[in-house]
Amino acid sequence: LTKTKVDDTLCLACHDQEELAEKTAGSTVLAD
């Protein structure tokens, strides 16, 4: 995005941060 912005509050209006964290608790996507 360069001319428009999607604010996190719009995402979190539908997607619950705690539920997302629970769903990705076992994720290894971010492994160094």
Full PDB file with SEQRES, HELIX, SHEET, SSBOND, CRYST1, ORIGX, SCALE, CONECT and MASTER records, all heavy atoms in Angstrom:
SEQRES   1 A   32  LEU THR LYS THR LYS VAL ASP ASP THR LEU CYS LEU ALA          
SEQRES   2 A   32  CYS HIS ASP GLN GLU GLU LEU ALA GLU LYS THR ALA GLY          
SEQRES   3 A   32  SER THR VAL LEU ALA ASP                                      
HELIX    1 AA1 ASP A    8  LEU A   12  1                                   5    
HELIX    2 AA2 GLN A   17  LYS A   23  1                                   7    
CRYST1    1.000    1.000    1.000  90.00  90.00  90.00 P 1           1          
ORIGX1      1.000000  0.000000  0.000000        0.00000                         
ORIGX2      0.000000  1.000000  0.000000        0.00000                         
ORIGX3      0.000000  0.000000  1.000000        0.00000                         
SCALE1      1.000000  0.000000  0.000000        0.00000                         
SCALE2      0.000000  1.000000  0.000000        0.00000                         
SCALE3      0.000000  0.000000  1.000000        0.00000                         
ATOM      1  N   LEU A   1       0.839  -1.192   0.000  1.00  0.00           N  
ATOM      2  CA  LEU A   1       0.000   0.000   0.000  1.00  0.00           C  
ATOM      3  C   LEU A   1       0.880   1.250   0.000  1.00  0.00           C  
ATOM      4  O   LEU A   1       1.844   1.330   0.752  1.00  0.00           O  
ATOM      5  CB  LEU A   1      -0.883   0.026   1.250  1.00  0.00           C  
ATOM      6  CG  LEU A   1      -1.878  -1.111   1.408  1.00  0.00           C  
ATOM      7  CD1 LEU A   1      -2.569  -1.014   2.765  1.00  0.00           C  
ATOM      8  CD2 LEU A   1      -2.904  -1.083   0.308  1.00  0.00           C  
ATOM      9  N   THR A   2       0.572   2.198  -0.856  1.00  0.00           N  
ATOM     10  CA  THR A   2       1.317   3.449  -0.848  1.00  0.00           C  
ATOM     11  C   THR A   2       0.401   4.650  -0.662  1.00  0.00           C  
ATOM     12  O   THR A   2       0.771   5.610  -0.013  1.00  0.00           O  
ATOM     13  CB  THR A   2       2.129   3.622  -2.150  1.00  0.00           C  
ATOM     14  OG1 THR A   2       1.250   3.518  -3.267  1.00  0.00           O  
ATOM     15  CG2 THR A   2       3.232   2.585  -2.257  1.00  0.00           C  
ATOM     16  N   LYS A   3      -0.795   4.602  -1.219  1.00  0.00           N  
ATOM     17  CA  LYS A   3      -1.707   5.745  -1.133  1.00  0.00           C  
ATOM     18  C   LYS A   3      -2.831   5.522  -0.139  1.00  0.00           C  
ATOM     19  O   LYS A   3      -3.524   6.450   0.234  1.00  0.00           O  
ATOM     20  CB  LYS A   3      -2.309   6.046  -2.514  1.00  0.00           C  
ATOM     21  CG  LYS A   3      -1.294   6.538  -3.526  1.00  0.00           C  
ATOM     22  CD  LYS A   3      -1.971   6.892  -4.825  1.00  0.00           C  
ATOM     23  CE  LYS A   3      -0.965   7.414  -5.823  1.00  0.00           C  
ATOM     24  NZ  LYS A   3      -1.611   7.781  -7.092  1.00  0.00           N  
ATOM     25  N   THR A   4      -3.057   4.292   0.267  1.00  0.00           N  
ATOM     26  CA  THR A   4      -4.113   3.999   1.230  1.00  0.00           C  
ATOM     27  C   THR A   4      -3.491   3.277   2.415  1.00  0.00           C  
ATOM     28  O   THR A   4      -2.397   2.737   2.329  1.00  0.00           O  
ATOM     29  CB  THR A   4      -5.212   3.105   0.621  1.00  0.00           C  
ATOM     30  OG1 THR A   4      -4.652   1.827   0.324  1.00  0.00           O  
ATOM     31  CG2 THR A   4      -5.821   3.709  -0.618  1.00  0.00           C  
ATOM     32  N   LYS A   5      -4.198   3.263   3.515  1.00  0.00           N  
ATOM     33  CA  LYS A   5      -3.711   2.585   4.714  1.00  0.00           C  
ATOM     34  C   LYS A   5      -4.862   1.790   5.308  1.00  0.00           C  
ATOM     35  O   LYS A   5      -5.994   2.260   5.307  1.00  0.00           O  
ATOM     36  CB  LYS A   5      -3.200   3.629   5.718  1.00  0.00           C  
ATOM     37  CG  LYS A   5      -2.562   3.036   6.954  1.00  0.00           C  
ATOM     38  CD  LYS A   5      -2.011   4.144   7.827  1.00  0.00           C  
ATOM     39  CE  LYS A   5      -1.180   3.655   8.973  1.00  0.00           C  
ATOM     40  NZ  LYS A   5      -1.723   2.662   9.829  1.00  0.00           N  
ATOM     41  N   VAL A   6      -4.559   0.605   5.781  1.00  0.00           N  
ATOM     42  CA  VAL A   6      -5.545  -0.189   6.495  1.00  0.00           C  
ATOM     43  C   VAL A   6      -5.084  -0.224   7.939  1.00  0.00           C  
ATOM     44  O   VAL A   6      -4.038  -0.781   8.270  1.00  0.00           O  
ATOM     45  CB  VAL A   6      -5.660  -1.616   5.919  1.00  0.00           C  
ATOM     46  CG1 VAL A   6      -6.594  -2.457   6.770  1.00  0.00           C  
ATOM     47  CG2 VAL A   6      -6.153  -1.564   4.481  1.00  0.00           C  
ATOM     48  N   ASP A   7      -5.858   0.394   8.799  1.00  0.00           N  
ATOM     49  CA  ASP A   7      -5.514   0.472  10.209  1.00  0.00           C  
ATOM     50  C   ASP A   7      -5.810  -0.861  10.894  1.00  0.00           C  
ATOM     51  O   ASP A   7      -6.799  -1.517  10.584  1.00  0.00           O  
ATOM     52  CB  ASP A   7      -6.324   1.598  10.856  1.00  0.00           C  
ATOM     53  CG  ASP A   7      -5.829   1.928  12.239  1.00  0.00           C  
ATOM     54  OD1 ASP A   7      -4.883   2.732  12.357  1.00  0.00           O  
ATOM     55  OD2 ASP A   7      -6.382   1.355  13.198  1.00  0.00           O  
ATOM     56  N   ASP A   8      -4.954  -1.231  11.840  1.00  0.00           N  
ATOM     57  CA  ASP A   8      -5.146  -2.494  12.560  1.00  0.00           C  
ATOM     58  C   ASP A   8      -6.505  -2.577  13.253  1.00  0.00           C  
ATOM     59  O   ASP A   8      -7.047  -3.669  13.415  1.00  0.00           O  
ATOM     60  CB  ASP A   8      -4.041  -2.686  13.606  1.00  0.00           C  
ATOM     61  CG  ASP A   8      -2.735  -3.167  12.998  1.00  0.00           C  
ATOM     62  OD1 ASP A   8      -2.679  -3.411  11.776  1.00  0.00           O  
ATOM     63  OD2 ASP A   8      -1.759  -3.310  13.766  1.00  0.00           O  
ATOM     64  N   THR A   9      -7.064  -1.449  13.656  1.00  0.00           N  
ATOM     65  CA  THR A   9      -8.366  -1.496  14.333  1.00  0.00           C  
ATOM     66  C   THR A   9      -9.437  -2.067  13.417  1.00  0.00           C  
ATOM     67  O   THR A   9     -10.369  -2.712  13.891  1.00  0.00           O  
ATOM     68  CB  THR A   9      -8.798  -0.100  14.836  1.00  0.00           C  
ATOM     69  OG1 THR A   9      -8.812   0.816  13.735  1.00  0.00           O  
ATOM     70  CG2 THR A   9      -7.870   0.405  15.925  1.00  0.00           C  
ATOM     71  N   LEU A  10      -9.290  -1.858  12.098  1.00  0.00           N  
ATOM     72  CA  LEU A  10     -10.248  -2.444  11.156  1.00  0.00           C  
ATOM     73  C   LEU A  10     -10.091  -3.955  11.120  1.00  0.00           C  
ATOM     74  O   LEU A  10     -11.082  -4.687  11.098  1.00  0.00           O  
ATOM     75  CB  LEU A  10     -10.058  -1.848   9.772  1.00  0.00           C  
ATOM     76  CG  LEU A  10     -10.499  -0.396   9.630  1.00  0.00           C  
ATOM     77  CD1 LEU A  10     -10.019   0.188   8.313  1.00  0.00           C  
ATOM     78  CD2 LEU A  10     -12.009  -0.294   9.728  1.00  0.00           C  
ATOM     79  N   CYS A  11      -8.850  -4.444  11.114  1.00  0.00           N  
ATOM     80  CA  CYS A  11      -8.623  -5.893  11.116  1.00  0.00           C  
ATOM     81  C   CYS A  11      -9.161  -6.520  12.403  1.00  0.00           C  
ATOM     82  O   CYS A  11      -9.824  -7.559  12.380  1.00  0.00           O  
ATOM     83  CB  CYS A  11      -7.128  -6.199  11.005  1.00  0.00           C  
ATOM     84  SG  CYS A  11      -6.330  -5.538   9.529  1.00  0.00           S  
ATOM     85  N   LEU A  12      -8.849  -5.843  13.527  1.00  0.00           N  
ATOM     86  CA  LEU A  12      -9.205  -6.400  14.830  1.00  0.00           C  
ATOM     87  C   LEU A  12     -10.679  -6.235  15.174  1.00  0.00           C  
ATOM     88  O   LEU A  12     -11.143  -6.771  16.174  1.00  0.00           O  
ATOM     89  CB  LEU A  12      -8.313  -5.785  15.911  1.00  0.00           C  
ATOM     90  CG  LEU A  12      -6.827  -6.108  15.725  1.00  0.00           C  
ATOM     91  CD1 LEU A  12      -5.984  -5.363  16.750  1.00  0.00           C  
ATOM     92  CD2 LEU A  12      -6.560  -7.608  15.781  1.00  0.00           C  
ATOM     93  N   ALA A  13     -11.430  -5.540  14.311  1.00  0.00           N  
ATOM     94  CA  ALA A  13     -12.877  -5.470  14.496  1.00  0.00           C  
ATOM     95  C   ALA A  13     -13.500  -6.838  14.222  1.00  0.00           C  
ATOM     96  O   ALA A  13     -14.538  -7.179  14.786  1.00  0.00           O  
ATOM     97  CB  ALA A  13     -13.488  -4.411  13.582  1.00  0.00           C  
ATOM     98  N   CYS A  14     -12.857  -7.630  13.362  1.00  0.00           N  
ATOM     99  CA  CYS A  14     -13.351  -8.971  13.025  1.00  0.00           C  
ATOM    100  C   CYS A  14     -12.467 -10.085  13.591  1.00  0.00           C  
ATOM    101  O   CYS A  14     -12.949 -11.153  13.939  1.00  0.00           O  
ATOM    102  CB  CYS A  14     -13.435  -9.140  11.511  1.00  0.00           C  
ATOM    103  SG  CYS A  14     -14.594  -8.017  10.714  1.00  0.00           S  
ATOM    104  N   HIS A  15     -11.174  -9.838  13.633  1.00  0.00           N  
ATOM    105  CA  HIS A  15     -10.211 -10.848  14.072  1.00  0.00           C  
ATOM    106  C   HIS A  15      -9.747 -10.545  15.488  1.00  0.00           C  
ATOM    107  O   HIS A  15      -9.212  -9.474  15.750  1.00  0.00           O  
ATOM    108  CB  HIS A  15      -8.997 -10.867  13.134  1.00  0.00           C  
ATOM    109  CG  HIS A  15      -9.346 -11.148  11.709  1.00  0.00           C  
ATOM    110  ND1 HIS A  15      -9.612 -12.418  11.245  1.00  0.00           N  
ATOM    111  CD2 HIS A  15      -9.474 -10.321  10.645  1.00  0.00           C  
ATOM    112  CE1 HIS A  15      -9.892 -12.360   9.948  1.00  0.00           C  
ATOM    113  NE2 HIS A  15      -9.825 -11.106   9.558  1.00  0.00           N  
ATOM    114  N   ASP A  16      -9.932 -11.471  16.407  1.00  0.00           N  
ATOM    115  CA  ASP A  16      -9.564 -11.293  17.809  1.00  0.00           C  
ATOM    116  C   ASP A  16      -8.075 -11.612  18.007  1.00  0.00           C  
ATOM    117  O   ASP A  16      -7.630 -12.711  17.675  1.00  0.00           O  
ATOM    118  CB  ASP A  16     -10.431 -12.200  18.683  1.00  0.00           C  
ATOM    119  CG  ASP A  16     -10.125 -12.031  20.148  1.00  0.00           C  
ATOM    120  OD1 ASP A  16     -10.662 -11.077  20.760  1.00  0.00           O  
ATOM    121  OD2 ASP A  16      -9.332 -12.829  20.682  1.00  0.00           O  
ATOM    122  N   GLN A  17      -7.312 -10.661  18.552  1.00  0.00           N  
ATOM    123  CA  GLN A  17      -5.864 -10.819  18.735  1.00  0.00           C  
ATOM    124  C   GLN A  17      -5.521 -12.031  19.603  1.00  0.00           C  
ATOM    125  O   GLN A  17      -4.613 -12.789  19.287  1.00  0.00           O  
ATOM    126  CB  GLN A  17      -5.281  -9.544  19.365  1.00  0.00           C  
ATOM    127  CG  GLN A  17      -3.767  -9.586  19.538  1.00  0.00           C  
ATOM    128  CD  GLN A  17      -3.013  -9.490  18.220  1.00  0.00           C  
ATOM    129  OE1 GLN A  17      -3.380  -8.716  17.352  1.00  0.00           O  
ATOM    130  NE2 GLN A  17      -1.972 -10.274  18.074  1.00  0.00           N  
ATOM    131  N   GLU A  18      -6.251 -12.236  20.694  1.00  0.00           N  
ATOM    132  CA  GLU A  18      -5.969 -13.366  21.582  1.00  0.00           C  
ATOM    133  C   GLU A  18      -6.244 -14.699  20.893  1.00  0.00           C  
ATOM    134  O   GLU A  18      -5.481 -15.657  21.049  1.00  0.00           O  
ATOM    135  CB  GLU A  18      -6.765 -13.250  22.880  1.00  0.00           C  
ATOM    136  CG  GLU A  18      -6.255 -12.137  23.778  1.00  0.00           C  
ATOM    137  CD  GLU A  18      -7.026 -12.048  25.084  1.00  0.00           C  
ATOM    138  OE1 GLU A  18      -7.628 -13.057  25.512  1.00  0.00           O  
ATOM    139  OE2 GLU A  18      -7.023 -10.953  25.679  1.00  0.00           O  
ATOM    140  N   GLU A  19      -7.329 -14.768  20.119  1.00  0.00           N  
ATOM    141  CA  GLU A  19      -7.632 -15.994  19.378  1.00  0.00           C  
ATOM    142  C   GLU A  19      -6.558 -16.276  18.333  1.00  0.00           C  
ATOM    143  O   GLU A  19      -6.155 -17.421  18.144  1.00  0.00           O  
ATOM    144  CB  GLU A  19      -9.000 -15.895  18.702  1.00  0.00           C  
ATOM    145  CG  GLU A  19     -10.159 -16.043  19.644  1.00  0.00           C  
ATOM    146  CD  GLU A  19     -11.503 -15.939  18.926  1.00  0.00           C  
ATOM    147  OE1 GLU A  19     -11.561 -16.143  17.697  1.00  0.00           O  
ATOM    148  OE2 GLU A  19     -12.504 -15.644  19.616  1.00  0.00           O  
ATOM    149  N   LEU A  20      -6.104 -15.222  17.660  1.00  0.00           N  
ATOM    150  CA  LEU A  20      -5.033 -15.392  16.671  1.00  0.00           C  
ATOM    151  C   LEU A  20      -3.775 -15.922  17.330  1.00  0.00           C  
ATOM    152  O   LEU A  20      -3.119 -16.831  16.815  1.00  0.00           O  
ATOM    153  CB  LEU A  20      -4.735 -14.064  15.963  1.00  0.00           C  
ATOM    154  CG  LEU A  20      -5.826 -13.515  15.054  1.00  0.00           C  
ATOM    155  CD1 LEU A  20      -5.478 -12.103  14.604  1.00  0.00           C  
ATOM    156  CD2 LEU A  20      -6.018 -14.422  13.852  1.00  0.00           C  
ATOM    157  N   ALA A  21      -3.427 -15.362  18.483  1.00  0.00           N  
ATOM    158  CA  ALA A  21      -2.231 -15.794  19.205  1.00  0.00           C  
ATOM    159  C   ALA A  21      -2.344 -17.263  19.626  1.00  0.00           C  
ATOM    160  O   ALA A  21      -1.373 -18.020  19.534  1.00  0.00           O  
ATOM    161  CB  ALA A  21      -1.993 -14.902  20.418  1.00  0.00           C  
ATOM    162  N   GLU A  22      -3.534 -17.671  20.060  1.00  0.00           N  
ATOM    163  CA  GLU A  22      -3.751 -19.069  20.439  1.00  0.00           C  
ATOM    164  C   GLU A  22      -3.594 -19.993  19.233  1.00  0.00           C  
ATOM    165  O   GLU A  22      -2.974 -21.050  19.329  1.00  0.00           O  
ATOM    166  CB  GLU A  22      -5.139 -19.248  21.055  1.00  0.00           C  
ATOM    167  CG  GLU A  22      -5.272 -18.693  22.452  1.00  0.00           C  
ATOM    168  CD  GLU A  22      -6.697 -18.799  22.994  1.00  0.00           C  
ATOM    169  OE1 GLU A  22      -7.483 -19.639  22.494  1.00  0.00           O  
ATOM    170  OE2 GLU A  22      -7.018 -18.028  23.916  1.00  0.00           O  
ATOM    171  N   LYS A  23      -4.161 -19.577  18.087  1.00  0.00           N  
ATOM    172  CA  LYS A  23      -4.100 -20.405  16.883  1.00  0.00           C  
ATOM    173  C   LYS A  23      -2.678 -20.573  16.362  1.00  0.00           C  
ATOM    174  O   LYS A  23      -2.365 -21.583  15.731  1.00  0.00           O  
ATOM    175  CB  LYS A  23      -4.972 -19.807  15.775  1.00  0.00           C  
ATOM    176  CG  LYS A  23      -6.452 -19.974  16.000  1.00  0.00           C  
ATOM    177  CD  LYS A  23      -7.249 -19.367  14.868  1.00  0.00           C  
ATOM    178  CE  LYS A  23      -8.735 -19.519  15.083  1.00  0.00           C  
ATOM    179  NZ  LYS A  23      -9.524 -18.907  14.022  1.00  0.00           N  
ATOM    180  N   THR A  24      -1.825 -19.573  16.580  1.00  0.00           N  
ATOM    181  CA  THR A  24      -0.452 -19.640  16.048  1.00  0.00           C  
ATOM    182  C   THR A  24       0.585 -19.924  17.126  1.00  0.00           C  
ATOM    183  O   THR A  24       1.780 -19.763  16.899  1.00  0.00           O  
ATOM    184  CB  THR A  24      -0.092 -18.328  15.308  1.00  0.00           C  
ATOM    185  OG1 THR A  24      -0.267 -17.214  16.197  1.00  0.00           O  
ATOM    186  CG2 THR A  24      -0.946 -18.150  14.066  1.00  0.00           C  
ATOM    187  N   ALA A  25       0.142 -20.384  18.300  1.00  0.00           N  
ATOM    188  CA  ALA A  25       1.063 -20.658  19.406  1.00  0.00           C  
ATOM    189  C   ALA A  25       2.120 -21.691  19.021  1.00  0.00           C  
ATOM    190  O   ALA A  25       3.270 -21.598  19.448  1.00  0.00           O  
ATOM    191  CB  ALA A  25       0.295 -21.119  20.641  1.00  0.00           C  
ATOM    192  N   GLY A  26       1.779 -22.652  18.202  1.00  0.00           N  
ATOM    193  CA  GLY A  26       2.729 -23.684  17.803  1.00  0.00           C  
ATOM    194  C   GLY A  26       3.402 -23.420  16.468  1.00  0.00           C  
ATOM    195  O   GLY A  26       4.151 -24.257  15.961  1.00  0.00           O  
ATOM    196  N   SER A  27       3.163 -22.245  15.901  1.00  0.00           N  
ATOM    197  CA  SER A  27       3.724 -21.916  14.588  1.00  0.00           C  
ATOM    198  C   SER A  27       5.238 -21.768  14.647  1.00  0.00           C  
ATOM    199  O   SER A  27       5.779 -21.180  15.568  1.00  0.00           O  
ATOM    200  CB  SER A  27       3.113 -20.607  14.080  1.00  0.00           C  
ATOM    201  OG  SER A  27       3.769 -20.194  12.899  1.00  0.00           O  
ATOM    202  N   THR A  28       5.895 -22.288  13.633  1.00  0.00           N  
ATOM    203  CA  THR A  28       7.356 -22.135  13.531  1.00  0.00           C  
ATOM    204  C   THR A  28       7.729 -21.228  12.358  1.00  0.00           C  
ATOM    205  O   THR A  28       8.867 -21.217  11.919  1.00  0.00           O  
ATOM    206  CB  THR A  28       8.039 -23.505  13.368  1.00  0.00           C  
ATOM    207  OG1 THR A  28       7.513 -24.150  12.204  1.00  0.00           O  
ATOM    208  CG2 THR A  28       7.830 -24.376  14.597  1.00  0.00           C  
ATOM    209  N   VAL A  29       6.755 -20.455  11.878  1.00  0.00           N  
ATOM    210  CA  VAL A  29       6.989 -19.538  10.763  1.00  0.00           C  
ATOM    211  C   VAL A  29       8.101 -18.550  11.101  1.00  0.00           C  
ATOM    212  O   VAL A  29       8.940 -18.242  10.271  1.00  0.00           O  
ATOM    213  CB  VAL A  29       5.686 -18.793  10.397  1.00  0.00           C  
ATOM    214  CG1 VAL A  29       5.955 -17.632   9.466  1.00  0.00           C  
ATOM    215  CG2 VAL A  29       4.701 -19.752   9.767  1.00  0.00           C  
ATOM    216  N   LEU A  30       8.101 -18.069  12.348  1.00  0.00           N  
ATOM    217  CA  LEU A  30       9.125 -17.118  12.773  1.00  0.00           C  
ATOM    218  C   LEU A  30      10.171 -17.813  13.638  1.00  0.00           C  
ATOM    219  O   LEU A  30      10.206 -17.654  14.854  1.00  0.00           O  
ATOM    220  CB  LEU A  30       8.491 -15.944  13.537  1.00  0.00           C  
ATOM    221  CG  LEU A  30       7.485 -15.105  12.767  1.00  0.00           C  
ATOM    222  CD1 LEU A  30       7.016 -13.931  13.610  1.00  0.00           C  
ATOM    223  CD2 LEU A  30       8.068 -14.622  11.449  1.00  0.00           C  
ATOM    224  N   ALA A  31      11.020 -18.582  12.979  1.00  0.00           N  
ATOM    225  CA  ALA A  31      12.133 -19.248  13.659  1.00  0.00           C  
ATOM    226  C   ALA A  31      13.422 -18.655  13.113  1.00  0.00           C  
ATOM    227  O   ALA A  31      13.575 -18.490  11.907  1.00  0.00           O  
ATOM    228  CB  ALA A  31      12.091 -20.752  13.403  1.00  0.00           C  
ATOM    229  N   ASP A  32      14.352 -18.321  14.034  1.00  0.00           N  
ATOM    230  CA  ASP A  32      15.610 -17.753  13.560  1.00  0.00           C  
ATOM    231  C   ASP A  32      16.668 -18.844  13.430  1.00  0.00           C  
ATOM    232  O   ASP A  32      16.428 -20.024  13.725  1.00  0.00           O  
ATOM    233  CB  ASP A  32      16.069 -16.592  14.441  1.00  0.00           C  
ATOM    234  CG  ASP A  32      16.610 -17.000  15.807  1.00  0.00           C  
ATOM    235  OD1 ASP A  32      16.659 -18.217  16.120  1.00  0.00           O  
ATOM    236  OD2 ASP A  32      17.000 -16.090  16.566  1.00  0.00           O  
TER     237      ASP A  32                                                      
MASTER        0    0    0    2    0    0    0    6  236    1    0    3          
END                                                                             
